[in-house]
């Protein structure tokens, strides 16, 4: 399996978690409520604990980054601006149908993941408009900086085109 296939499978697995009804560890229901015999100290402590991979992110992201990636030889240059759990991204690329440089805007959403950050793109439109772009597929990013391995920055769009991503913070 190449990195593209692994990345796409990984994204599909992570995105399907919500389909199986996984809830936060501090969610209370008849099945998950603490037994009545537990001490009040135990219940108070356990209700403050959440599992990061299935709960909302504790810390939102703020800032701007310049991203560069490619697909089928076409280089994409993006400016990602995150303001908490959502943001926007403008991407410039050469449209091989029109042979023109075009720009699209997308809405971006931050999603939790135990191995890093997922940022999902939605609704690519012509830059500065509300007109859906006819060929642009939304971008999805995975960023991970593990303690004992090299950082992983990659993108896989909704058409399963995957690529490494170079990242530069904008100050």
N, C-alpha and C. Protein backbone atom coordinates (compact mmCIF):
# COMPACT_ATOMS: atom_id res chain seq x y z
N UNK A 1 0.83 -1.17 0.00
CA UNK A 1 0.00 0.00 0.00
C UNK A 1 0.88 1.24 0.00
N UNK A 2 0.56 2.22 -0.82
CA UNK A 2 1.35 3.45 -0.82
C UNK A 2 0.76 4.44 0.19
N UNK A 3 1.45 5.55 0.40
CA UNK A 3 1.02 6.53 1.41
C UNK A 3 -0.35 7.10 1.08
N UNK A 4 -0.66 7.25 -0.18
CA UNK A 4 -1.95 7.79 -0.59
C UNK A 4 -3.08 6.87 -0.13
N UNK A 5 -2.94 5.59 -0.35
CA UNK A 5 -3.97 4.65 0.06
C UNK A 5 -4.09 4.59 1.58
N UNK A 6 -2.97 4.58 2.27
CA UNK A 6 -2.99 4.53 3.72
C UNK A 6 -3.68 5.78 4.28
N UNK A 7 -3.32 6.95 3.76
CA UNK A 7 -3.91 8.19 4.22
C UNK A 7 -5.41 8.21 3.97
N UNK A 8 -5.85 7.78 2.82
CA UNK A 8 -7.27 7.81 2.51
C UNK A 8 -8.04 6.83 3.40
N UNK A 9 -7.50 5.66 3.60
CA UNK A 9 -8.16 4.69 4.49
C UNK A 9 -8.23 5.25 5.89
N UNK A 10 -7.15 5.87 6.35
CA UNK A 10 -7.11 6.45 7.68
C UNK A 10 -8.18 7.53 7.82
N UNK A 11 -8.30 8.41 6.83
CA UNK A 11 -9.31 9.47 6.88
C UNK A 11 -10.71 8.88 6.89
N UNK A 12 -10.96 7.85 6.09
CA UNK A 12 -12.27 7.23 6.08
C UNK A 12 -12.61 6.59 7.42
N UNK A 13 -11.65 5.94 8.04
CA UNK A 13 -11.88 5.31 9.34
C UNK A 13 -12.21 6.36 10.38
N UNK A 14 -11.41 7.42 10.43
CA UNK A 14 -11.63 8.46 11.42
C UNK A 14 -12.96 9.16 11.19
N UNK A 15 -13.29 9.44 9.95
CA UNK A 15 -14.54 10.15 9.68
C UNK A 15 -15.76 9.28 9.93
N UNK A 16 -15.62 7.97 9.93
CA UNK A 16 -16.76 7.09 10.15
C UNK A 16 -17.05 6.87 11.62
N UNK A 17 -16.19 7.35 12.52
CA UNK A 17 -16.42 7.17 13.95
C UNK A 17 -17.80 7.71 14.34
N UNK A 18 -18.17 8.85 13.83
CA UNK A 18 -19.46 9.45 14.16
C UNK A 18 -20.63 8.61 13.71
N UNK A 19 -20.47 7.78 12.71
CA UNK A 19 -21.56 6.95 12.22
C UNK A 19 -21.94 5.84 13.19
N UNK A 20 -21.04 5.49 14.11
CA UNK A 20 -21.30 4.38 15.01
C UNK A 20 -21.73 4.84 16.40
N UNK A 21 -22.06 6.11 16.56
CA UNK A 21 -22.64 6.59 17.81
C UNK A 21 -21.68 6.64 18.98
N UNK A 22 -20.40 6.82 18.74
CA UNK A 22 -19.45 6.92 19.83
C UNK A 22 -19.68 8.25 20.54
N UNK A 23 -19.77 8.21 21.87
CA UNK A 23 -20.03 9.41 22.64
C UNK A 23 -18.83 9.75 23.50
N UNK A 24 -18.80 10.97 23.99
CA UNK A 24 -17.76 11.41 24.91
C UNK A 24 -17.79 10.54 26.15
N UNK A 25 -16.63 10.36 26.77
CA UNK A 25 -16.54 9.55 27.98
C UNK A 25 -17.33 10.15 29.12
N UNK A 26 -17.59 11.47 29.09
CA UNK A 26 -18.35 12.06 30.17
C UNK A 26 -19.84 12.16 29.84
N UNK A 27 -20.28 11.54 28.75
CA UNK A 27 -21.70 11.53 28.40
C UNK A 27 -22.45 10.66 29.39
N UNK A 28 -23.58 11.13 29.85
CA UNK A 28 -24.37 10.38 30.83
C UNK A 28 -25.59 9.77 30.13
N UNK A 29 -25.75 8.51 30.28
CA UNK A 29 -26.93 7.81 29.80
C UNK A 29 -27.19 6.67 30.75
N UNK A 30 -28.30 5.96 30.56
CA UNK A 30 -28.64 4.85 31.44
C UNK A 30 -27.54 3.81 31.44
N UNK A 31 -26.85 3.63 30.31
CA UNK A 31 -25.81 2.61 30.21
C UNK A 31 -24.48 3.07 30.80
N UNK A 32 -24.20 4.38 30.79
CA UNK A 32 -22.87 4.85 31.18
C UNK A 32 -22.83 5.56 32.52
N UNK A 33 -23.97 5.78 33.15
CA UNK A 33 -23.98 6.51 34.42
C UNK A 33 -23.25 5.71 35.49
N UNK A 34 -22.58 6.42 36.38
CA UNK A 34 -21.84 5.77 37.46
C UNK A 34 -22.81 5.04 38.38
N UNK A 35 -22.40 3.89 38.92
CA UNK A 35 -23.28 3.17 39.84
C UNK A 35 -23.60 4.01 41.07
N UNK A 36 -24.77 3.81 41.65
CA UNK A 36 -25.22 4.59 42.80
C UNK A 36 -24.37 4.30 44.04
N UNK A 37 -23.65 3.20 44.06
CA UNK A 37 -22.84 2.85 45.22
C UNK A 37 -21.48 3.53 45.20
N UNK A 38 -21.11 4.20 44.12
CA UNK A 38 -19.81 4.88 44.05
C UNK A 38 -19.82 6.08 44.97
N UNK A 39 -18.67 6.40 45.54
CA UNK A 39 -18.59 7.56 46.41
C UNK A 39 -18.72 8.83 45.58
N UNK A 40 -19.14 9.90 46.22
CA UNK A 40 -19.32 11.16 45.48
C UNK A 40 -18.00 11.67 44.95
N UNK A 41 -16.89 11.40 45.64
CA UNK A 41 -15.57 11.82 45.16
C UNK A 41 -15.22 11.12 43.86
N UNK A 42 -15.47 9.81 43.78
CA UNK A 42 -15.18 9.05 42.56
C UNK A 42 -16.00 9.56 41.39
N UNK A 43 -17.27 9.82 41.60
CA UNK A 43 -18.14 10.29 40.52
C UNK A 43 -17.70 11.67 40.06
N UNK A 44 -17.37 12.56 40.98
CA UNK A 44 -16.95 13.91 40.61
C UNK A 44 -15.68 13.86 39.79
N UNK A 45 -14.72 13.03 40.20
CA UNK A 45 -13.48 12.94 39.45
C UNK A 45 -13.71 12.32 38.08
N UNK A 46 -14.51 11.28 37.97
CA UNK A 46 -14.71 10.63 36.69
C UNK A 46 -15.50 11.50 35.73
N UNK A 47 -16.37 12.37 36.23
CA UNK A 47 -17.16 13.21 35.33
C UNK A 47 -16.33 14.34 34.73
N UNK A 48 -15.13 14.60 35.29
CA UNK A 48 -14.28 15.64 34.75
C UNK A 48 -13.31 15.11 33.70
N UNK A 49 -13.28 13.82 33.50
CA UNK A 49 -12.33 13.21 32.58
C UNK A 49 -13.01 12.99 31.24
N UNK A 50 -12.36 13.39 30.17
CA UNK A 50 -12.85 13.12 28.83
C UNK A 50 -11.74 12.49 28.02
N UNK A 51 -12.11 11.78 27.00
CA UNK A 51 -11.15 11.17 26.10
C UNK A 51 -11.04 12.07 24.89
N UNK A 52 -9.84 12.58 24.61
CA UNK A 52 -9.65 13.60 23.58
C UNK A 52 -10.13 13.15 22.21
N UNK A 53 -9.94 11.88 21.85
CA UNK A 53 -10.26 11.48 20.50
C UNK A 53 -11.75 11.40 20.21
N UNK A 54 -12.60 11.39 21.22
CA UNK A 54 -14.03 11.32 20.95
C UNK A 54 -14.80 12.49 21.54
N UNK A 55 -14.12 13.46 22.11
CA UNK A 55 -14.78 14.63 22.65
C UNK A 55 -14.37 15.85 21.84
N UNK A 56 -14.96 16.98 22.15
CA UNK A 56 -14.55 18.21 21.47
C UNK A 56 -13.11 18.53 21.84
N UNK A 57 -12.43 19.22 20.96
CA UNK A 57 -11.07 19.63 21.25
C UNK A 57 -11.08 20.61 22.41
N UNK A 58 -10.10 20.50 23.26
CA UNK A 58 -9.99 21.39 24.40
C UNK A 58 -9.52 22.76 23.93
N UNK A 59 -8.57 22.80 23.03
CA UNK A 59 -7.97 24.06 22.61
C UNK A 59 -8.25 24.32 21.14
N UNK A 60 -8.95 25.40 20.84
CA UNK A 60 -9.15 25.77 19.43
C UNK A 60 -7.85 26.30 18.84
N UNK A 61 -7.81 26.45 17.53
CA UNK A 61 -6.61 26.92 16.84
C UNK A 61 -6.87 28.31 16.27
N UNK A 62 -5.90 29.19 16.46
CA UNK A 62 -5.95 30.55 15.92
C UNK A 62 -4.66 30.82 15.16
N UNK A 63 -4.77 31.35 13.98
CA UNK A 63 -3.57 31.71 13.22
C UNK A 63 -3.77 31.52 11.74
N UNK A 64 -2.71 31.82 11.00
CA UNK A 64 -2.71 31.71 9.54
C UNK A 64 -1.46 30.98 9.08
N UNK A 65 -1.63 30.17 8.04
CA UNK A 65 -0.52 29.39 7.49
C UNK A 65 -0.58 29.38 5.98
N UNK A 66 0.59 29.36 5.36
CA UNK A 66 0.69 29.18 3.93
C UNK A 66 0.94 27.68 3.70
N UNK A 67 0.09 27.04 2.89
CA UNK A 67 0.19 25.62 2.59
C UNK A 67 0.52 25.44 1.11
N UNK A 68 1.30 24.42 0.81
CA UNK A 68 1.64 24.11 -0.59
C UNK A 68 1.61 22.60 -0.75
N UNK A 69 0.89 22.13 -1.77
CA UNK A 69 0.75 20.70 -2.03
C UNK A 69 0.45 20.52 -3.50
N UNK A 70 0.41 19.27 -3.96
CA UNK A 70 0.19 19.06 -5.40
C UNK A 70 -0.69 17.83 -5.63
N UNK A 71 -1.22 17.78 -6.82
CA UNK A 71 -2.00 16.64 -7.26
C UNK A 71 -1.92 16.54 -8.77
N UNK A 72 -1.49 15.40 -9.27
CA UNK A 72 -1.35 15.17 -10.71
C UNK A 72 -0.49 16.25 -11.37
N UNK A 73 0.54 16.69 -10.66
CA UNK A 73 1.47 17.67 -11.22
C UNK A 73 1.03 19.12 -11.07
N UNK A 74 -0.17 19.35 -10.57
CA UNK A 74 -0.67 20.72 -10.38
C UNK A 74 -0.36 21.14 -8.96
N UNK A 75 0.30 22.29 -8.81
CA UNK A 75 0.66 22.79 -7.49
C UNK A 75 -0.47 23.69 -6.99
N UNK A 76 -0.84 23.48 -5.72
CA UNK A 76 -1.88 24.26 -5.06
C UNK A 76 -1.21 25.09 -3.96
N UNK A 77 -1.52 26.38 -3.92
CA UNK A 77 -1.01 27.27 -2.89
C UNK A 77 -2.19 27.84 -2.13
N UNK A 78 -2.19 27.63 -0.82
CA UNK A 78 -3.34 28.02 0.00
C UNK A 78 -2.91 28.89 1.16
N UNK A 79 -3.83 29.73 1.59
CA UNK A 79 -3.70 30.46 2.84
C UNK A 79 -4.85 29.96 3.73
N UNK A 80 -4.47 29.30 4.83
CA UNK A 80 -5.43 28.76 5.79
C UNK A 80 -5.48 29.71 6.98
N UNK A 81 -6.68 30.17 7.32
CA UNK A 81 -6.88 31.04 8.49
C UNK A 81 -7.87 30.34 9.41
N UNK A 82 -7.39 29.99 10.60
CA UNK A 82 -8.25 29.32 11.58
C UNK A 82 -8.56 30.29 12.71
N UNK A 83 -9.84 30.32 13.10
CA UNK A 83 -10.32 31.18 14.17
C UNK A 83 -11.13 30.32 15.13
N UNK A 84 -10.45 29.48 15.88
CA UNK A 84 -11.13 28.57 16.80
C UNK A 84 -11.32 27.22 16.14
N UNK A 85 -12.57 26.78 16.08
CA UNK A 85 -12.88 25.47 15.51
C UNK A 85 -13.24 25.54 14.03
N UNK A 86 -13.23 26.74 13.46
CA UNK A 86 -13.52 26.87 12.03
C UNK A 86 -12.63 27.96 11.44
N UNK A 87 -12.64 28.02 10.13
CA UNK A 87 -11.83 29.01 9.45
C UNK A 87 -12.13 29.03 7.97
N UNK A 88 -11.25 29.66 7.23
CA UNK A 88 -11.40 29.75 5.79
C UNK A 88 -10.06 29.42 5.14
N UNK A 89 -10.13 29.04 3.89
CA UNK A 89 -8.91 28.79 3.13
C UNK A 89 -9.13 29.25 1.70
N UNK A 90 -8.19 30.02 1.18
CA UNK A 90 -8.20 30.41 -0.23
C UNK A 90 -7.05 29.68 -0.90
N UNK A 91 -7.38 29.03 -2.02
CA UNK A 91 -6.40 28.22 -2.75
C UNK A 91 -6.30 28.71 -4.18
N UNK A 92 -5.07 28.88 -4.64
CA UNK A 92 -4.79 29.22 -6.04
C UNK A 92 -4.23 27.98 -6.73
N UNK A 93 -4.65 27.75 -7.96
CA UNK A 93 -4.19 26.60 -8.73
C UNK A 93 -4.42 26.85 -10.21
N UNK A 94 -3.76 26.07 -11.05
CA UNK A 94 -3.95 26.16 -12.50
C UNK A 94 -5.04 25.18 -12.89
N UNK A 95 -6.14 25.69 -13.43
CA UNK A 95 -7.24 24.85 -13.89
C UNK A 95 -6.85 24.29 -15.27
N UNK A 96 -6.72 22.96 -15.35
CA UNK A 96 -6.29 22.35 -16.61
C UNK A 96 -7.39 22.35 -17.66
N UNK A 97 -8.64 22.61 -17.26
CA UNK A 97 -9.72 22.72 -18.25
C UNK A 97 -9.69 24.08 -18.95
N UNK A 98 -9.48 25.14 -18.16
CA UNK A 98 -9.50 26.50 -18.73
C UNK A 98 -8.09 27.05 -19.00
N UNK A 99 -7.05 26.35 -18.53
CA UNK A 99 -5.67 26.81 -18.64
C UNK A 99 -5.46 28.18 -18.01
N UNK A 100 -6.25 28.48 -17.00
CA UNK A 100 -6.17 29.74 -16.26
C UNK A 100 -5.84 29.46 -14.80
N UNK A 101 -5.17 30.40 -14.15
CA UNK A 101 -4.99 30.32 -12.71
C UNK A 101 -6.29 30.78 -12.07
N UNK A 102 -6.80 29.95 -11.16
CA UNK A 102 -8.07 30.25 -10.50
C UNK A 102 -7.87 30.20 -9.00
N UNK A 103 -8.83 30.74 -8.28
CA UNK A 103 -8.80 30.71 -6.81
C UNK A 103 -10.15 30.26 -6.30
N UNK A 104 -10.11 29.42 -5.25
CA UNK A 104 -11.34 28.98 -4.59
C UNK A 104 -11.25 29.30 -3.11
N UNK A 105 -12.39 29.53 -2.51
CA UNK A 105 -12.51 29.69 -1.06
C UNK A 105 -13.25 28.48 -0.51
N UNK A 106 -12.83 28.03 0.67
CA UNK A 106 -13.51 26.93 1.35
C UNK A 106 -13.71 27.29 2.81
N UNK A 107 -14.74 26.74 3.41
CA UNK A 107 -14.93 26.80 4.85
C UNK A 107 -14.21 25.60 5.43
N UNK A 108 -13.45 25.80 6.50
CA UNK A 108 -12.66 24.74 7.10
C UNK A 108 -13.13 24.50 8.52
N UNK A 109 -13.17 23.21 8.93
CA UNK A 109 -13.59 22.84 10.27
C UNK A 109 -12.55 21.95 10.93
N UNK A 110 -12.24 22.24 12.18
CA UNK A 110 -11.29 21.49 12.97
C UNK A 110 -12.00 20.32 13.63
N UNK A 111 -11.43 19.13 13.51
CA UNK A 111 -12.01 17.92 14.10
C UNK A 111 -10.98 17.25 15.01
N UNK A 112 -11.42 16.63 16.10
CA UNK A 112 -10.47 15.96 16.99
C UNK A 112 -9.96 14.66 16.40
N UNK A 113 -8.75 14.31 16.80
CA UNK A 113 -8.17 13.03 16.41
C UNK A 113 -7.08 12.69 17.43
N UNK A 114 -6.96 11.44 17.84
CA UNK A 114 -5.96 11.09 18.85
C UNK A 114 -4.53 11.23 18.36
N UNK A 115 -4.31 11.25 17.06
CA UNK A 115 -2.95 11.28 16.52
C UNK A 115 -2.54 12.64 15.98
N UNK A 116 -3.39 13.65 16.08
CA UNK A 116 -3.05 14.96 15.55
C UNK A 116 -4.30 15.79 15.33
N UNK A 117 -4.29 16.57 14.28
CA UNK A 117 -5.43 17.43 13.95
C UNK A 117 -5.96 17.10 12.57
N UNK A 118 -7.27 17.14 12.45
CA UNK A 118 -7.93 17.00 11.16
C UNK A 118 -8.61 18.32 10.86
N UNK A 119 -8.41 18.83 9.67
CA UNK A 119 -9.10 20.04 9.23
C UNK A 119 -9.79 19.70 7.92
N UNK A 120 -11.12 19.76 7.94
CA UNK A 120 -11.94 19.35 6.80
C UNK A 120 -12.43 20.56 6.04
N UNK A 121 -12.37 20.50 4.70
CA UNK A 121 -12.85 21.58 3.86
C UNK A 121 -14.26 21.30 3.36
N UNK A 122 -15.04 22.36 3.23
CA UNK A 122 -16.42 22.25 2.75
C UNK A 122 -16.71 23.37 1.76
N UNK A 123 -17.56 23.08 0.80
CA UNK A 123 -18.14 24.07 -0.09
C UNK A 123 -17.12 24.94 -0.82
N UNK A 124 -16.30 24.34 -1.71
CA UNK A 124 -15.37 25.18 -2.49
C UNK A 124 -16.15 26.03 -3.50
N UNK A 125 -15.93 27.33 -3.42
CA UNK A 125 -16.60 28.29 -4.30
C UNK A 125 -15.54 29.16 -4.98
N UNK A 126 -15.91 29.76 -6.11
CA UNK A 126 -15.01 30.73 -6.72
C UNK A 126 -14.68 31.80 -5.69
N UNK A 127 -13.42 32.18 -5.59
CA UNK A 127 -12.97 33.14 -4.58
C UNK A 127 -13.80 34.42 -4.61
N UNK A 128 -14.25 34.83 -3.44
CA UNK A 128 -15.01 36.06 -3.31
C UNK A 128 -16.47 35.97 -3.72
N UNK A 129 -16.96 34.76 -4.05
CA UNK A 129 -18.35 34.59 -4.48
C UNK A 129 -19.01 33.50 -3.64
N UNK A 130 -20.25 33.20 -3.97
CA UNK A 130 -20.96 32.06 -3.39
C UNK A 130 -21.24 31.01 -4.46
N UNK A 131 -20.57 31.12 -5.61
CA UNK A 131 -20.78 30.22 -6.74
C UNK A 131 -19.89 28.99 -6.60
N UNK A 132 -20.52 27.83 -6.52
CA UNK A 132 -19.78 26.58 -6.36
C UNK A 132 -18.84 26.37 -7.53
N UNK A 133 -17.61 25.96 -7.21
CA UNK A 133 -16.63 25.67 -8.27
C UNK A 133 -16.98 24.31 -8.86
N UNK A 134 -17.08 24.18 -10.19
CA UNK A 134 -17.56 22.94 -10.80
C UNK A 134 -16.62 21.74 -10.71
N UNK A 135 -15.31 21.97 -10.55
CA UNK A 135 -14.39 20.82 -10.55
C UNK A 135 -13.56 20.69 -9.28
N UNK A 136 -13.56 21.69 -8.42
CA UNK A 136 -12.67 21.66 -7.26
C UNK A 136 -13.26 20.76 -6.17
N UNK A 137 -12.45 19.82 -5.70
CA UNK A 137 -12.86 18.91 -4.64
C UNK A 137 -12.38 19.44 -3.29
N UNK A 138 -13.23 19.43 -2.25
CA UNK A 138 -12.81 19.96 -0.94
C UNK A 138 -11.53 19.29 -0.43
N UNK A 139 -10.72 20.08 0.25
CA UNK A 139 -9.45 19.61 0.81
C UNK A 139 -9.64 19.18 2.26
N UNK A 140 -8.95 18.10 2.65
CA UNK A 140 -8.96 17.59 4.02
C UNK A 140 -7.51 17.42 4.44
N UNK A 141 -7.16 17.94 5.61
CA UNK A 141 -5.77 17.92 6.06
C UNK A 141 -5.61 17.13 7.34
N UNK A 142 -4.46 16.47 7.46
CA UNK A 142 -4.07 15.79 8.69
C UNK A 142 -2.69 16.31 9.07
N UNK A 143 -2.58 16.82 10.30
CA UNK A 143 -1.32 17.34 10.82
C UNK A 143 -0.99 16.61 12.11
N UNK A 144 0.22 16.06 12.21
CA UNK A 144 0.62 15.32 13.39
C UNK A 144 2.11 15.56 13.67
N UNK A 145 2.41 15.84 14.93
CA UNK A 145 3.80 16.02 15.35
C UNK A 145 4.04 15.05 16.51
N UNK A 146 4.36 13.79 16.21
CA UNK A 146 4.60 12.82 17.28
C UNK A 146 5.93 13.06 17.98
N UNK A 147 6.09 12.57 19.22
CA UNK A 147 7.30 12.85 19.97
C UNK A 147 8.56 12.17 19.43
N UNK A 148 8.42 11.02 18.80
CA UNK A 148 9.60 10.27 18.39
C UNK A 148 9.63 9.91 16.90
N UNK A 149 8.87 10.63 16.11
CA UNK A 149 8.83 10.39 14.66
C UNK A 149 8.82 11.74 13.96
N UNK A 150 9.11 11.74 12.66
CA UNK A 150 9.04 13.02 11.93
C UNK A 150 7.59 13.51 11.83
N UNK A 151 7.40 14.83 11.74
CA UNK A 151 6.04 15.37 11.59
C UNK A 151 5.38 14.87 10.31
N UNK A 152 4.06 14.76 10.35
CA UNK A 152 3.27 14.33 9.20
C UNK A 152 2.32 15.46 8.85
N UNK A 153 2.42 15.97 7.63
CA UNK A 153 1.51 16.98 7.12
C UNK A 153 1.05 16.48 5.76
N UNK A 154 -0.23 16.11 5.65
CA UNK A 154 -0.72 15.62 4.37
C UNK A 154 -2.15 16.05 4.12
N UNK A 155 -2.54 15.97 2.87
CA UNK A 155 -3.89 16.30 2.46
C UNK A 155 -4.42 15.18 1.58
N UNK A 156 -5.70 14.93 1.71
CA UNK A 156 -6.43 14.04 0.80
C UNK A 156 -7.76 14.73 0.51
N UNK A 157 -8.01 15.02 -0.76
CA UNK A 157 -9.27 15.67 -1.08
C UNK A 157 -10.39 14.62 -1.18
N UNK A 158 -11.59 15.08 -1.46
CA UNK A 158 -12.74 14.17 -1.52
C UNK A 158 -12.68 13.21 -2.71
N UNK A 159 -11.77 13.44 -3.65
CA UNK A 159 -11.59 12.53 -4.79
C UNK A 159 -10.44 11.54 -4.55
N UNK A 160 -9.96 11.47 -3.31
CA UNK A 160 -8.91 10.55 -2.90
C UNK A 160 -7.54 10.90 -3.49
N UNK A 161 -7.32 12.14 -3.86
CA UNK A 161 -6.00 12.60 -4.29
C UNK A 161 -5.26 13.07 -3.04
N UNK A 162 -4.16 12.42 -2.73
CA UNK A 162 -3.40 12.72 -1.52
C UNK A 162 -2.03 13.27 -1.87
N UNK A 163 -1.50 14.09 -0.95
CA UNK A 163 -0.21 14.71 -1.18
C UNK A 163 0.38 15.16 0.15
N UNK A 164 1.71 15.13 0.26
CA UNK A 164 2.34 15.78 1.40
C UNK A 164 2.09 17.30 1.31
N UNK A 165 2.16 17.97 2.44
CA UNK A 165 1.90 19.42 2.50
C UNK A 165 3.09 20.10 3.14
N UNK A 166 3.55 21.20 2.54
CA UNK A 166 4.53 22.05 3.21
C UNK A 166 3.77 23.18 3.89
N UNK A 167 4.23 23.53 5.10
CA UNK A 167 3.52 24.51 5.92
C UNK A 167 4.48 25.60 6.35
N UNK A 168 4.00 26.84 6.25
CA UNK A 168 4.78 27.99 6.71
C UNK A 168 3.84 28.91 7.48
N UNK A 169 4.14 29.17 8.76
CA UNK A 169 3.27 30.10 9.51
C UNK A 169 3.35 31.50 8.93
N UNK A 170 2.24 32.22 8.99
CA UNK A 170 2.20 33.61 8.57
C UNK A 170 2.08 34.45 9.83
N UNK A 171 2.98 35.37 10.00
CA UNK A 171 3.00 36.20 11.22
C UNK A 171 2.38 37.53 10.97
